[in-house]
N, C-alpha and C. Protein backbone atom coordinates (compact mmCIF):
# COMPACT_ATOMS: atom_id res chain seq x y z
N SER A 1 87.14 108.17 111.33
CA SER A 1 86.29 108.46 110.18
C SER A 1 86.42 107.33 109.17
N THR A 2 85.30 106.93 108.61
CA THR A 2 85.34 105.92 107.58
C THR A 2 85.30 106.58 106.22
N ILE A 3 85.60 105.82 105.18
CA ILE A 3 85.63 106.37 103.83
C ILE A 3 84.25 106.86 103.40
N GLY A 4 83.19 106.32 103.95
CA GLY A 4 81.84 106.72 103.58
C GLY A 4 81.43 108.09 104.11
N GLU A 5 82.19 108.61 105.07
CA GLU A 5 81.89 109.92 105.63
C GLU A 5 82.62 110.99 104.83
N LEU A 6 81.89 111.69 103.98
CA LEU A 6 82.52 112.68 103.11
C LEU A 6 82.20 114.11 103.54
N HIS A 7 81.52 114.27 104.68
CA HIS A 7 81.10 115.60 105.11
C HIS A 7 82.29 116.57 105.15
N GLY A 8 82.20 117.60 104.31
CA GLY A 8 83.21 118.64 104.30
C GLY A 8 84.50 118.27 103.59
N LYS A 9 84.59 117.09 103.03
CA LYS A 9 85.84 116.66 102.38
C LYS A 9 85.89 117.09 100.92
N SER A 10 87.11 117.24 100.45
CA SER A 10 87.32 117.55 99.03
C SER A 10 87.42 116.23 98.27
N VAL A 11 86.72 116.17 97.14
CA VAL A 11 86.63 114.94 96.36
C VAL A 11 86.95 115.25 94.90
N ALA A 12 87.71 114.35 94.27
CA ALA A 12 87.96 114.44 92.83
C ALA A 12 87.52 113.13 92.19
N ILE A 13 86.99 113.25 90.98
CA ILE A 13 86.55 112.10 90.20
C ILE A 13 87.40 112.05 88.95
N MET A 14 88.00 110.92 88.69
CA MET A 14 88.85 110.75 87.51
C MET A 14 88.05 110.06 86.40
N GLY A 15 87.84 110.76 85.31
CA GLY A 15 87.18 110.16 84.15
C GLY A 15 85.72 109.88 84.40
N SER A 16 84.87 110.81 84.04
CA SER A 16 83.44 110.65 84.30
C SER A 16 82.67 111.43 83.24
N LEU A 17 81.93 110.74 82.39
CA LEU A 17 81.15 111.43 81.36
C LEU A 17 79.76 111.82 81.82
N VAL A 18 79.25 111.13 82.83
CA VAL A 18 77.92 111.41 83.40
C VAL A 18 78.13 111.56 84.91
N PRO A 19 77.56 112.61 85.53
CA PRO A 19 77.91 112.92 86.93
C PRO A 19 77.24 112.06 88.00
N TRP A 20 77.26 110.75 87.83
CA TRP A 20 76.70 109.85 88.84
C TRP A 20 77.50 109.89 90.14
N TYR A 21 78.82 109.69 90.03
CA TYR A 21 79.65 109.62 91.24
C TYR A 21 79.76 110.99 91.90
N GLU A 22 79.72 112.04 91.09
CA GLU A 22 79.72 113.39 91.65
C GLU A 22 78.48 113.58 92.51
N ALA A 23 77.32 113.15 92.01
CA ALA A 23 76.07 113.28 92.76
C ALA A 23 76.11 112.48 94.06
N VAL A 24 76.67 111.27 94.00
CA VAL A 24 76.78 110.44 95.20
C VAL A 24 77.68 111.12 96.23
N ALA A 25 78.82 111.66 95.77
CA ALA A 25 79.74 112.33 96.70
C ALA A 25 79.06 113.53 97.36
N LEU A 26 78.35 114.33 96.58
CA LEU A 26 77.66 115.49 97.16
C LEU A 26 76.55 115.05 98.11
N ALA A 27 75.84 113.98 97.76
CA ALA A 27 74.77 113.48 98.63
C ALA A 27 75.32 112.98 99.96
N HIS A 28 76.59 112.55 99.96
CA HIS A 28 77.23 112.09 101.19
C HIS A 28 78.03 113.19 101.88
N GLY A 29 77.79 114.44 101.48
CA GLY A 29 78.33 115.56 102.22
C GLY A 29 79.63 116.17 101.72
N ALA A 30 80.12 115.74 100.57
CA ALA A 30 81.35 116.36 100.05
C ALA A 30 81.15 117.86 99.89
N ALA A 31 82.16 118.63 100.26
CA ALA A 31 82.07 120.08 100.16
C ALA A 31 82.09 120.53 98.70
N HIS A 32 82.89 119.87 97.90
CA HIS A 32 83.04 120.22 96.49
C HIS A 32 83.58 119.01 95.75
N VAL A 33 83.23 118.89 94.49
CA VAL A 33 83.72 117.79 93.66
C VAL A 33 84.36 118.37 92.41
N LEU A 34 85.55 117.91 92.10
CA LEU A 34 86.24 118.26 90.86
C LEU A 34 86.28 117.02 89.99
N THR A 35 85.86 117.15 88.73
CA THR A 35 85.96 116.05 87.77
C THR A 35 87.06 116.37 86.79
N ILE A 36 87.99 115.42 86.62
CA ILE A 36 89.09 115.55 85.66
C ILE A 36 88.84 114.51 84.57
N GLU A 37 88.67 114.97 83.33
CA GLU A 37 88.23 114.11 82.23
C GLU A 37 88.94 114.53 80.93
N TYR A 38 89.24 113.58 80.05
CA TYR A 38 89.86 113.91 78.77
C TYR A 38 88.96 114.79 77.92
N ASN A 39 87.64 114.58 78.00
CA ASN A 39 86.67 115.35 77.22
C ASN A 39 86.22 116.58 78.00
N GLU A 40 85.82 117.63 77.27
CA GLU A 40 85.27 118.81 77.92
C GLU A 40 83.84 118.52 78.34
N LEU A 41 83.54 118.80 79.61
CA LEU A 41 82.22 118.55 80.17
C LEU A 41 81.62 119.85 80.67
N GLN A 42 80.31 119.92 80.69
CA GLN A 42 79.60 121.07 81.22
C GLN A 42 78.54 120.58 82.19
N TYR A 43 78.82 120.64 83.49
CA TYR A 43 77.84 120.29 84.51
C TYR A 43 77.34 121.60 85.11
N ASN A 44 76.05 121.69 85.33
CA ASN A 44 75.46 122.91 85.86
C ASN A 44 75.12 122.72 87.34
N HIS A 45 76.15 122.69 88.17
CA HIS A 45 75.95 122.58 89.62
C HIS A 45 77.03 123.41 90.30
N PRO A 46 76.66 124.22 91.29
CA PRO A 46 77.64 125.11 91.92
C PRO A 46 78.76 124.38 92.67
N ASN A 47 78.57 123.11 93.04
CA ASN A 47 79.58 122.39 93.81
C ASN A 47 80.33 121.35 92.99
N ILE A 48 80.19 121.42 91.66
CA ILE A 48 80.93 120.53 90.76
C ILE A 48 81.71 121.40 89.77
N THR A 49 83.00 121.16 89.71
CA THR A 49 83.86 121.82 88.73
C THR A 49 84.41 120.75 87.80
N THR A 50 84.47 121.06 86.51
CA THR A 50 85.04 120.11 85.56
C THR A 50 86.22 120.76 84.85
N VAL A 51 87.26 119.96 84.67
CA VAL A 51 88.43 120.38 83.90
C VAL A 51 88.89 119.21 83.04
N THR A 52 89.59 119.52 81.96
CA THR A 52 90.18 118.46 81.15
C THR A 52 91.51 118.05 81.76
N ASN A 53 92.00 116.89 81.36
CA ASN A 53 93.32 116.45 81.82
C ASN A 53 94.39 117.47 81.45
N ASP A 54 94.30 118.02 80.21
CA ASP A 54 95.28 119.00 79.78
C ASP A 54 95.23 120.26 80.64
N GLU A 55 94.02 120.69 81.01
CA GLU A 55 93.89 121.88 81.86
C GLU A 55 94.47 121.63 83.24
N TRP A 56 94.24 120.44 83.79
CA TRP A 56 94.69 120.15 85.15
C TRP A 56 96.19 119.86 85.21
N TYR A 57 96.65 118.97 84.34
CA TYR A 57 98.04 118.54 84.41
C TYR A 57 98.97 119.37 83.54
N GLY A 58 98.44 120.06 82.53
CA GLY A 58 99.28 120.87 81.66
C GLY A 58 100.22 120.00 80.84
N ASP A 59 101.07 120.64 80.09
CA ASP A 59 101.99 119.93 79.21
C ASP A 59 103.09 119.20 79.98
N GLY A 60 103.41 119.67 81.17
CA GLY A 60 104.52 119.09 81.91
C GLY A 60 104.18 117.88 82.74
N GLY A 61 102.92 117.45 82.74
CA GLY A 61 102.54 116.28 83.52
C GLY A 61 102.47 116.55 85.02
N GLY A 62 102.48 117.83 85.40
CA GLY A 62 102.39 118.17 86.82
C GLY A 62 100.96 118.14 87.30
N ASP A 63 100.65 118.98 88.25
CA ASP A 63 99.27 119.09 88.69
C ASP A 63 98.93 120.57 88.84
N SER A 64 97.74 120.87 89.24
CA SER A 64 97.29 122.24 89.33
C SER A 64 97.70 122.85 90.67
N LYS A 65 98.89 123.42 90.72
CA LYS A 65 99.39 124.16 91.88
C LYS A 65 99.43 123.34 93.16
N GLY A 66 99.67 122.04 93.05
CA GLY A 66 99.83 121.20 94.23
C GLY A 66 98.55 120.91 94.98
N THR A 67 97.39 121.16 94.37
CA THR A 67 96.11 120.89 95.02
C THR A 67 95.98 119.40 95.32
N THR A 68 95.55 119.07 96.53
CA THR A 68 95.31 117.67 96.89
C THR A 68 93.87 117.51 97.37
N PHE A 69 93.43 116.26 97.39
CA PHE A 69 92.05 115.93 97.76
C PHE A 69 92.05 114.87 98.85
N ASP A 70 91.00 114.91 99.67
CA ASP A 70 90.84 113.91 100.72
C ASP A 70 90.52 112.55 100.12
N VAL A 71 89.66 112.55 99.10
CA VAL A 71 89.20 111.31 98.48
C VAL A 71 89.17 111.50 96.96
N VAL A 72 89.69 110.51 96.24
CA VAL A 72 89.62 110.51 94.78
C VAL A 72 88.98 109.19 94.36
N LEU A 73 88.08 109.26 93.39
CA LEU A 73 87.45 108.07 92.84
C LEU A 73 87.90 107.88 91.40
N SER A 74 88.31 106.67 91.08
CA SER A 74 88.56 106.28 89.69
C SER A 74 87.78 104.99 89.47
N ILE A 75 86.60 105.13 88.91
CA ILE A 75 85.72 103.99 88.71
C ILE A 75 85.67 103.70 87.21
N SER A 76 86.27 102.58 86.83
CA SER A 76 86.30 102.17 85.43
C SER A 76 86.88 103.26 84.54
N SER A 77 88.05 103.73 84.91
CA SER A 77 88.69 104.82 84.16
C SER A 77 90.12 104.46 83.76
N PHE A 78 90.98 104.14 84.73
CA PHE A 78 92.40 103.99 84.44
C PHE A 78 92.72 102.84 83.50
N GLU A 79 91.86 101.83 83.42
CA GLU A 79 92.13 100.71 82.52
C GLU A 79 92.11 101.13 81.06
N HIS A 80 91.58 102.32 80.78
CA HIS A 80 91.52 102.85 79.41
C HIS A 80 92.72 103.76 79.10
N ASP A 81 93.39 104.27 80.13
CA ASP A 81 94.44 105.27 79.92
C ASP A 81 95.58 104.71 79.08
N GLY A 82 95.96 105.49 78.07
CA GLY A 82 97.06 105.13 77.19
C GLY A 82 96.64 104.30 75.99
N LEU A 83 95.35 104.00 75.87
CA LEU A 83 94.89 103.18 74.75
C LEU A 83 94.25 104.01 73.64
N GLY A 84 94.08 105.31 73.85
CA GLY A 84 93.61 106.21 72.81
C GLY A 84 92.11 106.21 72.56
N ARG A 85 91.38 105.38 73.21
CA ARG A 85 89.94 105.24 72.93
C ARG A 85 89.14 106.49 73.29
N TYR A 86 89.56 107.20 74.32
CA TYR A 86 88.80 108.36 74.79
C TYR A 86 89.54 109.68 74.58
N GLY A 87 90.36 109.73 73.55
CA GLY A 87 91.07 110.96 73.23
C GLY A 87 92.39 111.12 73.93
N ASP A 88 92.80 110.13 74.70
CA ASP A 88 94.08 110.20 75.40
C ASP A 88 95.19 109.74 74.45
N PRO A 89 96.42 110.19 74.70
CA PRO A 89 97.54 109.76 73.85
C PRO A 89 97.89 108.29 74.08
N LEU A 90 98.39 107.62 73.04
CA LEU A 90 98.83 106.24 73.17
C LEU A 90 100.05 106.15 74.08
N ASP A 91 99.99 105.27 75.06
CA ASP A 91 101.08 105.09 76.01
C ASP A 91 100.86 103.75 76.72
N PRO A 92 101.74 102.75 76.46
CA PRO A 92 101.54 101.44 77.07
C PRO A 92 101.56 101.45 78.60
N GLU A 93 102.12 102.48 79.19
CA GLU A 93 102.16 102.60 80.65
C GLU A 93 101.20 103.67 81.15
N GLY A 94 100.22 104.06 80.34
CA GLY A 94 99.30 105.13 80.70
C GLY A 94 98.56 104.88 82.00
N ASP A 95 98.17 103.63 82.24
CA ASP A 95 97.46 103.30 83.48
C ASP A 95 98.37 103.42 84.70
N ILE A 96 99.59 102.94 84.57
CA ILE A 96 100.56 103.02 85.68
C ILE A 96 100.89 104.48 85.97
N LYS A 97 101.07 105.27 84.92
CA LYS A 97 101.36 106.70 85.10
C LYS A 97 100.19 107.42 85.75
N ALA A 98 98.96 107.03 85.40
CA ALA A 98 97.78 107.63 86.04
C ALA A 98 97.80 107.37 87.54
N MET A 99 98.16 106.14 87.93
CA MET A 99 98.23 105.82 89.36
C MET A 99 99.34 106.61 90.06
N GLN A 100 100.46 106.83 89.36
CA GLN A 100 101.53 107.63 89.94
C GLN A 100 101.09 109.08 90.15
N LYS A 101 100.29 109.61 89.22
CA LYS A 101 99.76 110.97 89.38
C LYS A 101 98.85 111.05 90.60
N MET A 102 98.16 109.96 90.90
CA MET A 102 97.25 109.96 92.06
C MET A 102 98.00 110.16 93.36
N LYS A 103 99.27 109.74 93.42
CA LYS A 103 100.07 109.94 94.63
C LYS A 103 100.20 111.43 94.94
N ARG A 104 100.20 112.27 93.90
CA ARG A 104 100.27 113.72 94.10
C ARG A 104 98.89 114.35 94.30
N LEU A 105 97.84 113.70 93.78
CA LEU A 105 96.50 114.27 93.84
C LEU A 105 95.80 113.96 95.16
N VAL A 106 96.04 112.76 95.71
CA VAL A 106 95.44 112.36 96.99
C VAL A 106 96.37 112.83 98.10
N ARG A 107 95.83 113.56 99.05
CA ARG A 107 96.67 114.05 100.15
C ARG A 107 97.27 112.86 100.91
N PRO A 108 98.43 113.03 101.55
CA PRO A 108 98.98 111.95 102.36
C PRO A 108 97.97 111.49 103.40
N GLY A 109 97.73 110.20 103.46
CA GLY A 109 96.73 109.63 104.36
C GLY A 109 95.33 109.62 103.79
N GLY A 110 95.13 110.29 102.64
CA GLY A 110 93.83 110.30 101.97
C GLY A 110 93.59 108.99 101.23
N HIS A 111 92.45 108.89 100.58
CA HIS A 111 92.04 107.63 99.97
C HIS A 111 91.75 107.73 98.48
N LEU A 112 92.08 106.67 97.79
CA LEU A 112 91.71 106.47 96.40
C LEU A 112 90.80 105.26 96.34
N LEU A 113 89.60 105.44 95.78
CA LEU A 113 88.70 104.32 95.51
C LEU A 113 88.90 103.96 94.05
N LEU A 114 89.44 102.78 93.83
CA LEU A 114 89.83 102.34 92.49
C LEU A 114 89.01 101.12 92.09
N ALA A 115 88.36 101.20 90.94
CA ALA A 115 87.67 100.04 90.37
C ALA A 115 88.19 99.85 88.96
N VAL A 116 88.77 98.69 88.71
CA VAL A 116 89.26 98.32 87.38
C VAL A 116 88.84 96.88 87.12
N PRO A 117 88.69 96.50 85.84
CA PRO A 117 88.34 95.11 85.55
C PRO A 117 89.42 94.17 86.08
N THR A 118 89.00 93.12 86.73
CA THR A 118 89.92 92.19 87.36
C THR A 118 89.66 90.78 86.84
N GLY A 119 90.73 90.08 86.52
CA GLY A 119 90.68 88.72 85.99
C GLY A 119 92.09 88.35 85.58
N LYS A 120 92.23 87.49 84.60
CA LYS A 120 93.55 87.16 84.08
C LYS A 120 94.08 88.37 83.32
N ASP A 121 95.36 88.73 83.55
CA ASP A 121 95.96 89.89 82.90
C ASP A 121 95.75 89.82 81.39
N THR A 122 95.07 90.85 80.85
CA THR A 122 94.72 90.87 79.43
C THR A 122 94.67 92.31 78.95
N LEU A 123 95.06 92.53 77.70
CA LEU A 123 94.85 93.80 77.02
C LEU A 123 93.84 93.54 75.91
N VAL A 124 92.71 94.23 75.96
CA VAL A 124 91.70 94.15 74.91
C VAL A 124 91.83 95.45 74.12
N TRP A 125 92.57 95.40 73.02
CA TRP A 125 92.91 96.61 72.25
C TRP A 125 91.69 97.15 71.54
N ASN A 126 91.53 98.40 71.46
CA ASN A 126 91.97 99.50 72.29
C ASN A 126 90.90 99.87 73.30
N VAL A 127 90.28 98.85 73.84
CA VAL A 127 89.14 99.04 74.74
C VAL A 127 89.57 99.23 76.19
N HIS A 128 90.27 98.25 76.76
CA HIS A 128 90.64 98.32 78.18
C HIS A 128 91.66 97.23 78.52
N ARG A 129 92.16 97.34 79.74
CA ARG A 129 93.01 96.30 80.31
C ARG A 129 92.20 95.55 81.37
N ILE A 130 92.56 94.29 81.57
CA ILE A 130 92.04 93.52 82.69
C ILE A 130 93.23 93.22 83.58
N TYR A 131 93.08 93.45 84.88
CA TYR A 131 94.19 93.37 85.83
C TYR A 131 94.14 92.07 86.61
N GLY A 132 95.28 91.40 86.62
CA GLY A 132 95.40 90.15 87.34
C GLY A 132 96.60 90.16 88.26
N ARG A 133 97.17 89.00 88.46
CA ARG A 133 98.27 88.83 89.42
C ARG A 133 99.54 89.59 89.04
N LEU A 134 99.70 89.93 87.76
CA LEU A 134 100.91 90.64 87.32
C LEU A 134 100.76 92.16 87.40
N ARG A 135 99.73 92.68 86.74
CA ARG A 135 99.62 94.14 86.61
C ARG A 135 98.90 94.81 87.78
N LEU A 136 98.01 94.11 88.45
CA LEU A 136 97.30 94.72 89.58
C LEU A 136 98.26 95.19 90.68
N PRO A 137 99.25 94.38 91.08
CA PRO A 137 100.21 94.89 92.07
C PRO A 137 101.00 96.11 91.57
N LEU A 138 101.27 96.18 90.27
CA LEU A 138 101.97 97.35 89.72
C LEU A 138 101.11 98.61 89.87
N MET A 139 99.81 98.46 89.71
CA MET A 139 98.90 99.60 89.87
C MET A 139 98.88 100.10 91.31
N MET A 140 99.05 99.19 92.26
CA MET A 140 98.91 99.56 93.67
C MET A 140 100.23 99.83 94.37
N LYS A 141 101.31 99.79 93.61
CA LYS A 141 102.63 100.05 94.20
C LYS A 141 102.66 101.45 94.83
N GLY A 142 103.10 101.52 96.07
CA GLY A 142 103.18 102.79 96.78
C GLY A 142 101.92 103.16 97.52
N TRP A 143 100.92 102.29 97.52
CA TRP A 143 99.66 102.50 98.22
C TRP A 143 99.47 101.43 99.28
N THR A 144 98.68 101.72 100.28
CA THR A 144 98.28 100.72 101.26
C THR A 144 96.87 100.27 100.92
N LEU A 145 96.71 98.97 100.66
CA LEU A 145 95.40 98.41 100.39
C LEU A 145 94.69 98.22 101.72
N GLU A 146 93.67 99.05 101.98
CA GLU A 146 92.93 98.95 103.24
C GLU A 146 91.82 97.92 103.17
N HIS A 147 91.17 97.84 102.02
CA HIS A 147 90.00 96.98 101.92
C HIS A 147 89.67 96.79 100.44
N HIS A 148 88.93 95.77 100.15
CA HIS A 148 88.39 95.59 98.80
C HIS A 148 87.00 94.99 98.92
N VAL A 149 86.16 95.30 97.95
CA VAL A 149 84.79 94.80 97.92
C VAL A 149 84.57 94.16 96.56
N GLY A 150 84.16 92.90 96.56
CA GLY A 150 83.82 92.23 95.32
C GLY A 150 84.95 91.45 94.67
N LEU A 151 86.09 91.31 95.35
CA LEU A 151 87.22 90.58 94.77
C LEU A 151 87.10 89.10 95.06
N ASP A 152 87.13 88.31 94.02
CA ASP A 152 87.23 86.86 94.11
C ASP A 152 88.63 86.52 93.61
N ARG A 153 89.54 86.25 94.52
CA ARG A 153 90.95 86.04 94.14
C ARG A 153 91.13 84.93 93.11
N GLU A 154 90.25 83.93 93.12
CA GLU A 154 90.36 82.86 92.13
C GLU A 154 90.09 83.38 90.72
N SER A 155 89.30 84.45 90.60
CA SER A 155 89.00 85.00 89.27
C SER A 155 90.22 85.62 88.61
N LEU A 156 91.28 85.87 89.38
CA LEU A 156 92.49 86.46 88.82
C LEU A 156 93.20 85.52 87.84
N ASP A 157 92.81 84.27 87.82
CA ASP A 157 93.45 83.29 86.95
C ASP A 157 92.64 82.97 85.70
N PHE A 158 91.50 83.63 85.51
CA PHE A 158 90.63 83.30 84.39
C PHE A 158 90.26 84.53 83.59
N TYR A 159 90.18 84.36 82.28
CA TYR A 159 89.70 85.42 81.40
C TYR A 159 88.20 85.27 81.26
N ARG A 160 87.47 86.33 81.61
CA ARG A 160 86.01 86.30 81.52
C ARG A 160 85.51 87.53 80.78
N GLY A 161 86.01 87.79 79.61
CA GLY A 161 85.54 88.95 78.84
C GLY A 161 85.95 90.25 79.47
N HIS A 162 85.01 90.92 80.10
CA HIS A 162 85.28 92.24 80.69
C HIS A 162 85.87 92.16 82.08
N GLY A 163 85.91 90.99 82.69
CA GLY A 163 86.38 90.87 84.06
C GLY A 163 85.34 91.40 85.03
N ILE A 164 85.59 91.22 86.30
CA ILE A 164 84.74 91.80 87.33
C ILE A 164 85.38 93.10 87.77
N GLN A 165 84.64 93.98 88.43
CA GLN A 165 85.21 95.26 88.85
C GLN A 165 85.05 95.46 90.35
N PRO A 166 85.92 94.83 91.12
CA PRO A 166 85.90 95.11 92.57
C PRO A 166 86.31 96.56 92.82
N VAL A 167 85.99 97.04 93.99
CA VAL A 167 86.45 98.37 94.41
C VAL A 167 87.56 98.15 95.43
N TYR A 168 88.69 98.77 95.18
CA TYR A 168 89.85 98.71 96.08
C TYR A 168 89.94 100.05 96.80
N ILE A 169 90.02 100.00 98.11
CA ILE A 169 90.17 101.21 98.91
C ILE A 169 91.64 101.31 99.30
N LEU A 170 92.30 102.31 98.73
CA LEU A 170 93.73 102.49 98.90
C LEU A 170 94.01 103.76 99.69
N ARG A 171 94.94 103.69 100.62
CA ARG A 171 95.37 104.86 101.39
C ARG A 171 96.70 105.33 100.84
N ASN A 172 96.85 106.64 100.71
CA ASN A 172 98.09 107.22 100.21
C ASN A 172 99.14 107.17 101.30
N GLU A 173 99.70 105.99 101.44
CA GLU A 173 100.74 105.74 102.43
C GLU A 173 101.59 104.59 101.87
N ASP A 174 102.85 104.86 101.70
CA ASP A 174 103.74 103.85 101.14
C ASP A 174 104.44 103.12 102.28
N THR A 175 104.03 101.87 102.50
CA THR A 175 104.65 101.06 103.55
C THR A 175 105.80 100.22 102.99
N GLY A 176 106.02 100.33 101.68
CA GLY A 176 107.04 99.50 101.05
C GLY A 176 106.52 98.14 100.65
N GLN A 177 105.32 97.80 101.06
CA GLN A 177 104.71 96.53 100.73
C GLN A 177 103.89 96.68 99.45
N VAL A 178 104.00 95.72 98.54
CA VAL A 178 103.19 95.69 97.33
C VAL A 178 102.15 94.61 97.52
N PRO A 179 100.86 94.96 97.40
CA PRO A 179 99.83 93.92 97.57
C PRO A 179 100.04 92.77 96.61
N GLN A 180 99.94 91.56 97.12
CA GLN A 180 100.08 90.37 96.29
C GLN A 180 98.71 89.71 96.14
N PHE A 181 98.45 89.28 94.95
CA PHE A 181 97.17 88.65 94.68
C PHE A 181 97.40 87.26 94.16
């Protein structure tokens, strides 16, 4: 099975104010989509459920009764975590902690589709982070990088405003190897 085959799979979307990715997942056969977002959302579709981060993770930073998903998408989301821009608490490691939470949310062997701005490591306060040779491997620690689309490795050495946003396809499998860029 390839990542594009979502028929009957459980899918979660991390940080989504407009249900574009939810619609794509359902169009590709996902059985159900859960959106986890800092803001309260109201989508009117029987196969989309929305919860806030506080509702899902609670005060203890856990998860909702050990529920796991076959596929999780984080498209332009984690680079904002911990910067306070979208109602989240200030935390310099908020993005790294979000990736650690994904290890519990994605079932073993399942996939995380991650898109974050990529370029020279930069913090644009309080807008977002840009991931380069230093922080990008920290984000992927404990994951197997299966594939990437849109990555120009030379761009990791240059600051270009918002950076580019390749999509990294990560499998929830810790081989002990940290991807090097």
